[in-house]
PDB file of all heavy atoms in Angstrom:
ATOM      1  N   ASP A   1      -4.501  -0.998  16.728  1.00  0.00           N
ATOM      2  CA  ASP A   1      -5.585  -2.053  16.701  1.00  0.00           C
ATOM      3  C   ASP A   1      -6.680  -1.760  17.685  1.00  0.00           C
ATOM      4  O   ASP A   1      -6.482  -0.748  18.533  1.00  0.00           O
ATOM      5  CB  ASP A   1      -5.072  -3.456  16.731  1.00  0.00           C
ATOM      6  CG  ASP A   1      -4.317  -3.848  18.016  1.00  0.00           C
ATOM      7  OD1 ASP A   1      -4.551  -3.063  19.091  1.00  0.00           O
ATOM      8  OD2 ASP A   1      -3.624  -4.730  17.957  1.00  0.00           O
ATOM      9  N   ALA A   2      -7.670  -2.534  17.906  1.00  0.00           N
ATOM     10  CA  ALA A   2      -8.717  -2.392  18.784  1.00  0.00           C
ATOM     11  C   ALA A   2      -8.221  -2.439  20.278  1.00  0.00           C
ATOM     12  O   ALA A   2      -8.859  -1.919  21.162  1.00  0.00           O
ATOM     13  CB  ALA A   2      -9.829  -3.370  18.604  1.00  0.00           C
ATOM     14  N   ASP A   3      -7.098  -3.140  20.445  1.00  0.00           N
ATOM     15  CA  ASP A   3      -6.435  -3.240  21.893  1.00  0.00           C
ATOM     16  C   ASP A   3      -5.573  -2.175  22.143  1.00  0.00           C
ATOM     17  O   ASP A   3      -5.007  -2.080  23.228  1.00  0.00           O
ATOM     18  CB  ASP A   3      -5.765  -4.503  21.939  1.00  0.00           C
ATOM     19  CG  ASP A   3      -6.704  -5.732  21.808  1.00  0.00           C
ATOM     20  OD1 ASP A   3      -7.825  -5.707  22.286  1.00  0.00           O
ATOM     21  OD2 ASP A   3      -6.243  -6.723  21.366  1.00  0.00           O
ATOM     22  N   GLY A   4      -5.363  -1.101  21.195  1.00  0.00           N
ATOM     23  CA  GLY A   4      -4.459  -0.038  21.455  1.00  0.00           C
ATOM     24  C   GLY A   4      -3.025  -0.200  21.039  1.00  0.00           C
ATOM     25  O   GLY A   4      -2.289   0.642  21.328  1.00  0.00           O
ATOM     26  N   GLN A   5      -2.680  -1.369  20.538  1.00  0.00           N
ATOM     27  CA  GLN A   5      -1.360  -1.593  20.137  1.00  0.00           C
ATOM     28  C   GLN A   5      -0.999  -0.810  18.786  1.00  0.00           C
ATOM     29  O   GLN A   5      -1.757  -0.960  17.916  1.00  0.00           O
ATOM     30  CB  GLN A   5      -1.029  -3.115  19.808  1.00  0.00           C
ATOM     31  CG  GLN A   5       0.299  -3.461  19.164  1.00  0.00           C
ATOM     32  CD  GLN A   5       1.487  -2.962  20.111  1.00  0.00           C
ATOM     33  OE1 GLN A   5       1.615  -3.437  21.166  1.00  0.00           O
ATOM     34  NE2 GLN A   5       2.251  -2.190  19.472  1.00  0.00           N
ATOM     35  N   TRP A   6       0.039  -0.007  18.843  1.00  0.00           N
ATOM     36  CA  TRP A   6       0.369   0.771  17.630  1.00  0.00           C
ATOM     37  C   TRP A   6       1.247  -0.024  16.734  1.00  0.00           C
ATOM     38  O   TRP A   6       2.129  -0.855  17.275  1.00  0.00           O
ATOM     39  CB  TRP A   6       1.156   2.078  18.057  1.00  0.00           C
ATOM     40  CG  TRP A   6       0.146   3.087  18.518  1.00  0.00           C
ATOM     41  CD1 TRP A   6      -0.316   3.359  19.801  1.00  0.00           C
ATOM     42  CD2 TRP A   6      -0.567   4.020  17.685  1.00  0.00           C
ATOM     43  NE1 TRP A   6      -1.242   4.297  19.809  1.00  0.00           N
ATOM     44  CE2 TRP A   6      -1.392   4.733  18.541  1.00  0.00           C
ATOM     45  CE3 TRP A   6      -0.518   4.221  16.298  1.00  0.00           C
ATOM     46  CZ2 TRP A   6      -2.264   5.701  18.039  1.00  0.00           C
ATOM     47  CZ3 TRP A   6      -1.479   5.290  15.856  1.00  0.00           C
ATOM     48  CH2 TRP A   6      -2.239   5.966  16.666  1.00  0.00           C
ATOM     49  N   TYR A   7       1.263   0.222  15.456  1.00  0.00           N
ATOM     50  CA  TYR A   7       2.175  -0.392  14.502  1.00  0.00           C
ATOM     51  C   TYR A   7       2.499   0.718  13.493  1.00  0.00           C
ATOM     52  O   TYR A   7       1.865   1.660  13.181  1.00  0.00           O
ATOM     53  CB  TYR A   7       1.343  -1.421  13.683  1.00  0.00           C
ATOM     54  CG  TYR A   7       0.840  -2.611  14.467  1.00  0.00           C
ATOM     55  CD1 TYR A   7      -0.371  -2.478  15.104  1.00  0.00           C
ATOM     56  CD2 TYR A   7       1.770  -3.777  14.616  1.00  0.00           C
ATOM     57  CE1 TYR A   7      -0.743  -3.638  15.933  1.00  0.00           C
ATOM     58  CE2 TYR A   7       1.381  -4.796  15.467  1.00  0.00           C
ATOM     59  CZ  TYR A   7       0.124  -4.724  16.019  1.00  0.00           C
ATOM     60  OH  TYR A   7      -0.322  -5.803  16.878  1.00  0.00           O
ATOM     61  N   ARG A   8       3.777   0.473  12.874  1.00  0.00           N
ATOM     62  CA  ARG A   8       4.192   1.248  11.818  1.00  0.00           C
ATOM     63  C   ARG A   8       4.407   0.215  10.602  1.00  0.00           C
ATOM     64  O   ARG A   8       5.035  -0.817  10.733  1.00  0.00           O
ATOM     65  CB  ARG A   8       5.538   1.860  12.105  1.00  0.00           C
ATOM     66  CG  ARG A   8       6.022   2.722  10.840  1.00  0.00           C
ATOM     67  CD  ARG A   8       7.270   3.555  11.192  1.00  0.00           C
ATOM     68  NE  ARG A   8       7.065   4.538  12.336  1.00  0.00           N
ATOM     69  CZ  ARG A   8       7.807   4.453  13.528  1.00  0.00           C
ATOM     70  NH1 ARG A   8       8.672   3.555  13.663  1.00  0.00           N
ATOM     71  NH2 ARG A   8       7.481   5.257  14.485  1.00  0.00           N
ATOM     72  N   SER A   9       3.730   0.457   9.617  1.00  0.00           N
ATOM     73  CA  SER A   9       3.678  -0.406   8.454  1.00  0.00           C
ATOM     74  C   SER A   9       4.506   0.271   7.308  1.00  0.00           C
ATOM     75  O   SER A   9       4.325   1.479   7.059  1.00  0.00           O
ATOM     76  CB  SER A   9       2.257  -0.667   7.833  1.00  0.00           C
ATOM     77  OG  SER A   9       1.502  -1.248   8.928  1.00  0.00           O
ATOM     78  N   HIS A  10       5.556  -0.508   6.753  1.00  0.00           N
ATOM     79  CA  HIS A  10       6.467   0.017   5.769  1.00  0.00           C
ATOM     80  C   HIS A  10       6.239  -0.719   4.516  1.00  0.00           C
ATOM     81  O   HIS A  10       5.879  -1.947   4.568  1.00  0.00           O
ATOM     82  CB  HIS A  10       7.923  -0.248   6.230  1.00  0.00           C
ATOM     83  CG  HIS A  10       8.292   0.405   7.414  1.00  0.00           C
ATOM     84  ND1 HIS A  10       8.933   1.510   7.592  1.00  0.00           N
ATOM     85  CD2 HIS A  10       8.176  -0.162   8.836  1.00  0.00           C
ATOM     86  CE1 HIS A  10       9.210   1.793   8.901  1.00  0.00           C
ATOM     87  NE2 HIS A  10       8.724   0.805   9.546  1.00  0.00           N
ATOM     88  N   GLY A  11       6.433  -0.186   3.432  1.00  0.00           N
ATOM     89  CA  GLY A  11       6.284  -0.893   2.168  1.00  0.00           C
ATOM     90  C   GLY A  11       6.652  -0.128   0.955  1.00  0.00           C
ATOM     91  O   GLY A  11       7.064   1.027   0.964  1.00  0.00           O
ATOM     92  N   ASN A  12       6.324  -0.829  -0.188  1.00  0.00           N
ATOM     93  CA  ASN A  12       6.557  -0.428  -1.525  1.00  0.00           C
ATOM     94  C   ASN A  12       5.371  -0.719  -2.391  1.00  0.00           C
ATOM     95  O   ASN A  12       4.770  -1.681  -2.119  1.00  0.00           O
ATOM     96  CB  ASN A  12       7.798  -0.941  -2.168  1.00  0.00           C
ATOM     97  CG  ASN A  12       9.099  -0.758  -1.328  1.00  0.00           C
ATOM     98  OD1 ASN A  12       9.506   0.405  -1.243  1.00  0.00           O
ATOM     99  ND2 ASN A  12       9.631  -1.778  -0.722  1.00  0.00           N
ATOM    100  N   GLU A  13       5.054   0.214  -3.259  1.00  0.00           N
ATOM    101  CA  GLU A  13       4.047   0.026  -4.244  1.00  0.00           C
ATOM    102  C   GLU A  13       4.508   0.275  -5.671  1.00  0.00           C
ATOM    103  O   GLU A  13       5.293   1.182  -5.795  1.00  0.00           O
ATOM    104  CB  GLU A  13       2.836   0.891  -3.911  1.00  0.00           C
ATOM    105  CG  GLU A  13       2.020   0.762  -2.649  1.00  0.00           C
ATOM    106  CD  GLU A  13       0.980   1.771  -2.443  1.00  0.00           C
ATOM    107  OE1 GLU A  13       1.134   2.899  -2.889  1.00  0.00           O
ATOM    108  OE2 GLU A  13       0.022   1.376  -1.800  1.00  0.00           O
ATOM    109  N   ASN A  14       4.081  -0.565  -6.472  1.00  0.00           N
ATOM    110  CA  ASN A  14       4.235  -0.378  -7.927  1.00  0.00           C
ATOM    111  C   ASN A  14       2.874  -0.038  -8.527  1.00  0.00           C
ATOM    112  O   ASN A  14       1.944  -0.793  -8.356  1.00  0.00           O
ATOM    113  CB  ASN A  14       4.871  -1.652  -8.556  1.00  0.00           C
ATOM    114  CG  ASN A  14       6.176  -1.883  -7.939  1.00  0.00           C
ATOM    115  OD1 ASN A  14       7.009  -0.886  -7.772  1.00  0.00           O
ATOM    116  ND2 ASN A  14       6.564  -3.107  -7.624  1.00  0.00           N
ATOM    117  N   TRP A  15       2.783   1.072  -9.334  1.00  0.00           N
ATOM    118  CA  TRP A  15       1.574   1.458  -9.982  1.00  0.00           C
ATOM    119  C   TRP A  15       1.762   1.459 -11.478  1.00  0.00           C
ATOM    120  O   TRP A  15       2.765   1.979 -11.873  1.00  0.00           O
ATOM    121  CB  TRP A  15       1.218   2.868  -9.419  1.00  0.00           C
ATOM    122  CG  TRP A  15       0.994   3.145  -7.997  1.00  0.00           C
ATOM    123  CD1 TRP A  15       0.850   2.195  -7.003  1.00  0.00           C
ATOM    124  CD2 TRP A  15       1.112   4.432  -7.366  1.00  0.00           C
ATOM    125  NE1 TRP A  15       0.693   2.865  -5.810  1.00  0.00           N
ATOM    126  CE2 TRP A  15       0.844   4.155  -6.018  1.00  0.00           C
ATOM    127  CE3 TRP A  15       1.246   5.621  -7.766  1.00  0.00           C
ATOM    128  CZ2 TRP A  15       0.703   5.197  -5.035  1.00  0.00           C
ATOM    129  CZ3 TRP A  15       1.170   6.738  -6.924  1.00  0.00           C
ATOM    130  CH2 TRP A  15       1.044   6.566  -5.589  1.00  0.00           C
ATOM    131  N   GLU A  16       0.746   1.089 -12.193  1.00  0.00           N
ATOM    132  CA  GLU A  16       0.664   1.175 -13.677  1.00  0.00           C
ATOM    133  C   GLU A  16      -0.700   1.908 -13.935  1.00  0.00           C
ATOM    134  O   GLU A  16      -1.641   1.525 -13.457  1.00  0.00           O
ATOM    135  CB  GLU A  16       0.665  -0.097 -14.320  1.00  0.00           C
ATOM    136  CG  GLU A  16       0.683  -0.013 -15.792  1.00  0.00           C
ATOM    137  CD  GLU A  16       0.699  -1.355 -16.429  1.00  0.00           C
ATOM    138  OE1 GLU A  16      -0.300  -2.106 -16.304  1.00  0.00           O
ATOM    139  OE2 GLU A  16       1.610  -1.622 -17.153  1.00  0.00           O
ATOM    140  N   PHE A  17      -0.573   2.967 -14.757  1.00  0.00           N
ATOM    141  CA  PHE A  17      -1.743   3.880 -15.086  1.00  0.00           C
ATOM    142  C   PHE A  17      -2.190   3.596 -16.613  1.00  0.00           C
ATOM    143  O   PHE A  17      -1.423   3.378 -17.469  1.00  0.00           O
ATOM    144  CB  PHE A  17      -1.406   5.252 -14.898  1.00  0.00           C
ATOM    145  CG  PHE A  17      -1.046   5.583 -13.589  1.00  0.00           C
ATOM    146  CD1 PHE A  17       0.140   5.403 -12.899  1.00  0.00           C
ATOM    147  CD2 PHE A  17      -2.185   6.082 -12.734  1.00  0.00           C
ATOM    148  CE1 PHE A  17       0.401   5.727 -11.537  1.00  0.00           C
ATOM    149  CE2 PHE A  17      -1.927   6.430 -11.375  1.00  0.00           C
ATOM    150  CZ  PHE A  17      -0.626   6.257 -10.898  1.00  0.00           C
ATOM    151  N   ALA A  18      -3.513   3.664 -16.756  1.00  0.00           N
ATOM    152  CA  ALA A  18      -4.090   3.746 -17.990  1.00  0.00           C
ATOM    153  C   ALA A  18      -3.922   5.131 -18.561  1.00  0.00           C
ATOM    154  O   ALA A  18      -3.616   6.011 -17.900  1.00  0.00           O
ATOM    155  CB  ALA A  18      -5.723   3.490 -17.832  1.00  0.00           C
ATOM    156  N   PRO A  19      -4.144   5.315 -19.984  1.00  0.00           N
ATOM    157  CA  PRO A  19      -3.992   6.673 -20.521  1.00  0.00           C
ATOM    158  C   PRO A  19      -4.762   7.810 -19.862  1.00  0.00           C
ATOM    159  O   PRO A  19      -4.431   8.894 -19.943  1.00  0.00           O
ATOM    160  CB  PRO A  19      -4.353   6.394 -21.896  1.00  0.00           C
ATOM    161  CG  PRO A  19      -3.990   4.923 -22.192  1.00  0.00           C
ATOM    162  CD  PRO A  19      -4.436   4.313 -20.871  1.00  0.00           C
ATOM    163  N   ASN A  20      -5.917   7.463 -19.303  1.00  0.00           N
ATOM    164  CA  ASN A  20      -6.815   8.483 -18.659  1.00  0.00           C
ATOM    165  C   ASN A  20      -6.291   8.897 -17.205  1.00  0.00           C
ATOM    166  O   ASN A  20      -7.067   9.699 -16.615  1.00  0.00           O
ATOM    167  CB  ASN A  20      -8.165   7.964 -18.698  1.00  0.00           C
ATOM    168  CG  ASN A  20      -8.445   6.807 -17.825  1.00  0.00           C
ATOM    169  OD1 ASN A  20      -7.580   6.224 -17.161  1.00  0.00           O
ATOM    170  ND2 ASN A  20      -9.738   6.380 -17.764  1.00  0.00           N
ATOM    171  N   GLY A  21      -5.197   8.349 -16.746  1.00  0.00           N
ATOM    172  CA  GLY A  21      -4.681   8.712 -15.426  1.00  0.00           C
ATOM    173  C   GLY A  21      -5.115   7.845 -14.415  1.00  0.00           C
ATOM    174  O   GLY A  21      -4.720   8.012 -13.233  1.00  0.00           O
ATOM    175  N   LEU A  22      -6.053   6.839 -14.600  1.00  0.00           N
ATOM    176  CA  LEU A  22      -6.509   6.032 -13.459  1.00  0.00           C
ATOM    177  C   LEU A  22      -5.561   4.866 -13.430  1.00  0.00           C
ATOM    178  O   LEU A  22      -4.974   4.448 -14.359  1.00  0.00           O
ATOM    179  CB  LEU A  22      -7.950   5.415 -13.857  1.00  0.00           C
ATOM    180  CG  LEU A  22      -9.129   6.476 -13.870  1.00  0.00           C
ATOM    181  CD1 LEU A  22     -10.405   5.839 -14.298  1.00  0.00           C
ATOM    182  CD2 LEU A  22      -9.289   7.182 -12.485  1.00  0.00           C
ATOM    183  N   MET A  23      -5.432   4.407 -12.128  1.00  0.00           N
ATOM    184  CA  MET A  23      -4.489   3.290 -11.925  1.00  0.00           C
ATOM    185  C   MET A  23      -5.114   2.009 -12.293  1.00  0.00           C
ATOM    186  O   MET A  23      -6.170   1.596 -11.719  1.00  0.00           O
ATOM    187  CB  MET A  23      -4.105   3.332 -10.398  1.00  0.00           C
ATOM    188  CG  MET A  23      -2.877   2.445 -10.228  1.00  0.00           C
ATOM    189  SD  MET A  23      -2.390   2.428  -8.373  1.00  0.00           S
ATOM    190  CE  MET A  23      -2.316   4.231  -8.012  1.00  0.00           C
ATOM    191  N   ARG A  24      -4.419   1.247 -13.166  1.00  0.00           N
ATOM    192  CA  ARG A  24      -5.019  -0.041 -13.588  1.00  0.00           C
ATOM    193  C   ARG A  24      -4.283  -1.236 -12.848  1.00  0.00           C
ATOM    194  O   ARG A  24      -4.885  -2.294 -12.769  1.00  0.00           O
ATOM    195  CB  ARG A  24      -4.876  -0.233 -15.048  1.00  0.00           C
ATOM    196  CG  ARG A  24      -3.619  -0.310 -15.696  1.00  0.00           C
ATOM    197  CD  ARG A  24      -3.609  -0.627 -17.130  1.00  0.00           C
ATOM    198  NE  ARG A  24      -2.393  -0.084 -17.874  1.00  0.00           N
ATOM    199  CZ  ARG A  24      -2.474   0.444 -19.087  1.00  0.00           C
ATOM    200  NH1 ARG A  24      -3.601   0.333 -19.756  1.00  0.00           N
ATOM    201  NH2 ARG A  24      -1.390   0.786 -19.549  1.00  0.00           N
ATOM    202  N   ARG A  25      -3.201  -1.077 -12.246  1.00  0.00           N
ATOM    203  CA  ARG A  25      -2.591  -2.092 -11.509  1.00  0.00           C
ATOM    204  C   ARG A  25      -1.827  -1.456 -10.186  1.00  0.00           C
ATOM    205  O   ARG A  25      -1.224  -0.406 -10.343  1.00  0.00           O
ATOM    206  CB  ARG A  25      -1.432  -2.783 -12.293  1.00  0.00           C
ATOM    207  CG  ARG A  25      -2.065  -3.683 -13.321  1.00  0.00           C
ATOM    208  CD  ARG A  25      -0.980  -4.559 -13.860  1.00  0.00           C
ATOM    209  NE  ARG A  25      -1.563  -5.376 -14.973  1.00  0.00           N
ATOM    210  CZ  ARG A  25      -1.426  -5.059 -16.233  1.00  0.00           C
ATOM    211  NH1 ARG A  25      -0.688  -4.031 -16.707  1.00  0.00           N
ATOM    212  NH2 ARG A  25      -1.945  -5.913 -17.155  1.00  0.00           N
ATOM    213  N   ARG A  26      -2.095  -2.043  -8.963  1.00  0.00           N
ATOM    214  CA  ARG A  26      -1.318  -1.596  -7.808  1.00  0.00           C
ATOM    215  C   ARG A  26      -0.879  -2.855  -7.131  1.00  0.00           C
ATOM    216  O   ARG A  26      -1.641  -3.768  -6.762  1.00  0.00           O
ATOM    217  CB  ARG A  26      -2.298  -0.914  -6.969  1.00  0.00           C
ATOM    218  CG  ARG A  26      -1.740  -0.568  -5.519  1.00  0.00           C
ATOM    219  CD  ARG A  26      -2.836   0.112  -4.597  1.00  0.00           C
ATOM    220  NE  ARG A  26      -2.247   0.211  -3.291  1.00  0.00           N
ATOM    221  CZ  ARG A  26      -2.431  -0.658  -2.305  1.00  0.00           C
ATOM    222  NH1 ARG A  26      -2.904  -1.954  -2.458  1.00  0.00           N
ATOM    223  NH2 ARG A  26      -1.860  -0.477  -1.138  1.00  0.00           N
ATOM    224  N   TYR A  27       0.437  -2.882  -6.897  1.00  0.00           N
ATOM    225  CA  TYR A  27       1.076  -4.075  -6.281  1.00  0.00           C
ATOM    226  C   TYR A  27       1.710  -3.476  -5.035  1.00  0.00           C
ATOM    227  O   TYR A  27       2.677  -2.802  -5.182  1.00  0.00           O
ATOM    228  CB  TYR A  27       1.993  -4.926  -7.265  1.00  0.00           C
ATOM    229  CG  TYR A  27       1.386  -5.384  -8.490  1.00  0.00           C
ATOM    230  CD1 TYR A  27       1.739  -4.950  -9.626  1.00  0.00           C
ATOM    231  CD2 TYR A  27       0.376  -6.292  -8.368  1.00  0.00           C
ATOM    232  CE1 TYR A  27       1.050  -5.396 -10.849  1.00  0.00           C
ATOM    233  CE2 TYR A  27      -0.341  -6.740  -9.476  1.00  0.00           C
ATOM    234  CZ  TYR A  27       0.027  -6.274 -10.729  1.00  0.00           C
ATOM    235  OH  TYR A  27      -0.561  -6.819 -11.849  1.00  0.00           O
ATOM    236  N   ALA A  28       1.359  -4.052  -3.929  1.00  0.00           N
ATOM    237  CA  ALA A  28       1.978  -3.424  -2.657  1.00  0.00           C
ATOM    238  C   ALA A  28       2.499  -4.595  -1.707  1.00  0.00           C
ATOM    239  O   ALA A  28       1.866  -5.549  -1.596  1.00  0.00           O
ATOM    240  CB  ALA A  28       0.815  -2.770  -1.794  1.00  0.00           C
ATOM    241  N   SER A  29       3.664  -4.342  -1.236  1.00  0.00           N
ATOM    242  CA  SER A  29       4.385  -5.233  -0.337  1.00  0.00           C
ATOM    243  C   SER A  29       4.405  -4.444   0.985  1.00  0.00           C
ATOM    244  O   SER A  29       4.882  -3.336   1.001  1.00  0.00           O
ATOM    245  CB  SER A  29       5.778  -5.608  -0.802  1.00  0.00           C
ATOM    246  OG  SER A  29       5.647  -6.316  -2.000  1.00  0.00           O
ATOM    247  N   VAL A  30       4.018  -5.050   2.107  1.00  0.00           N
ATOM    248  CA  VAL A  30       3.942  -4.369   3.411  1.00  0.00           C
ATOM    249  C   VAL A  30       4.435  -5.163   4.518  1.00  0.00           C
ATOM    250  O   VAL A  30       4.163  -6.351   4.549  1.00  0.00           O
ATOM    251  CB  VAL A  30       2.473  -3.969   3.666  1.00  0.00           C
ATOM    252  CG1 VAL A  30       2.369  -3.053   4.904  1.00  0.00           C
ATOM    253  CG2 VAL A  30       1.729  -3.304   2.398  1.00  0.00           C
ATOM    254  N   ASN A  31       5.193  -4.590   5.317  1.00  0.00           N
ATOM    255  CA  ASN A  31       5.557  -5.182   6.649  1.00  0.00           C
ATOM    256  C   ASN A  31       5.199  -4.278   7.849  1.00  0.00           C
ATOM    257  O   ASN A  31       5.309  -3.142   7.757  1.00  0.00           O
ATOM    258  CB  ASN A  31       7.150  -5.318   6.648  1.00  0.00           C
ATOM    259  CG  ASN A  31       7.670  -6.143   5.502  1.00  0.00           C
ATOM    260  OD1 ASN A  31       7.297  -7.337   5.495  1.00  0.00           O
ATOM    261  ND2 ASN A  31       8.376  -5.665   4.645  1.00  0.00           N
ATOM    262  N   ASP A  32       4.804  -4.960   8.834  1.00  0.00           N
ATOM    263  CA  ASP A  32       4.325  -4.285  10.132  1.00  0.00           C
ATOM    264  C   ASP A  32       5.260  -4.471  11.157  1.00  0.00           C
ATOM    265  O   ASP A  32       5.882  -5.534  11.441  1.00  0.00           O
ATOM    266  CB  ASP A  32       2.939  -4.882  10.585  1.00  0.00           C
ATOM    267  CG  ASP A  32       1.819  -4.712   9.502  1.00  0.00           C
ATOM    268  OD1 ASP A  32       1.745  -3.696   8.874  1.00  0.00           O
ATOM    269  OD2 ASP A  32       1.038  -5.788   9.363  1.00  0.00           O
ATOM    270  N   VAL A  33       5.516  -3.425  11.951  1.00  0.00           N
ATOM    271  CA  VAL A  33       6.297  -3.403  13.102  1.00  0.00           C
ATOM    272  C   VAL A  33       5.620  -2.789  14.318  1.00  0.00           C
ATOM    273  O   VAL A  33       5.014  -1.654  14.173  1.00  0.00           O
ATOM    274  CB  VAL A  33       7.688  -2.555  12.909  1.00  0.00           C
ATOM    275  CG1 VAL A  33       8.521  -2.598  14.152  1.00  0.00           C
ATOM    276  CG2 VAL A  33       8.433  -3.039  11.637  1.00  0.00           C
TER     277      VAL A  33
END
């Protein structure tokens, strides 16, 4: 962050794609340490 505190963010994403290869849905769960 702007104060110089470092974080590691962990998570999972679920992606769903349209037939043309573009992502139509992205659901991300994230935790910061």
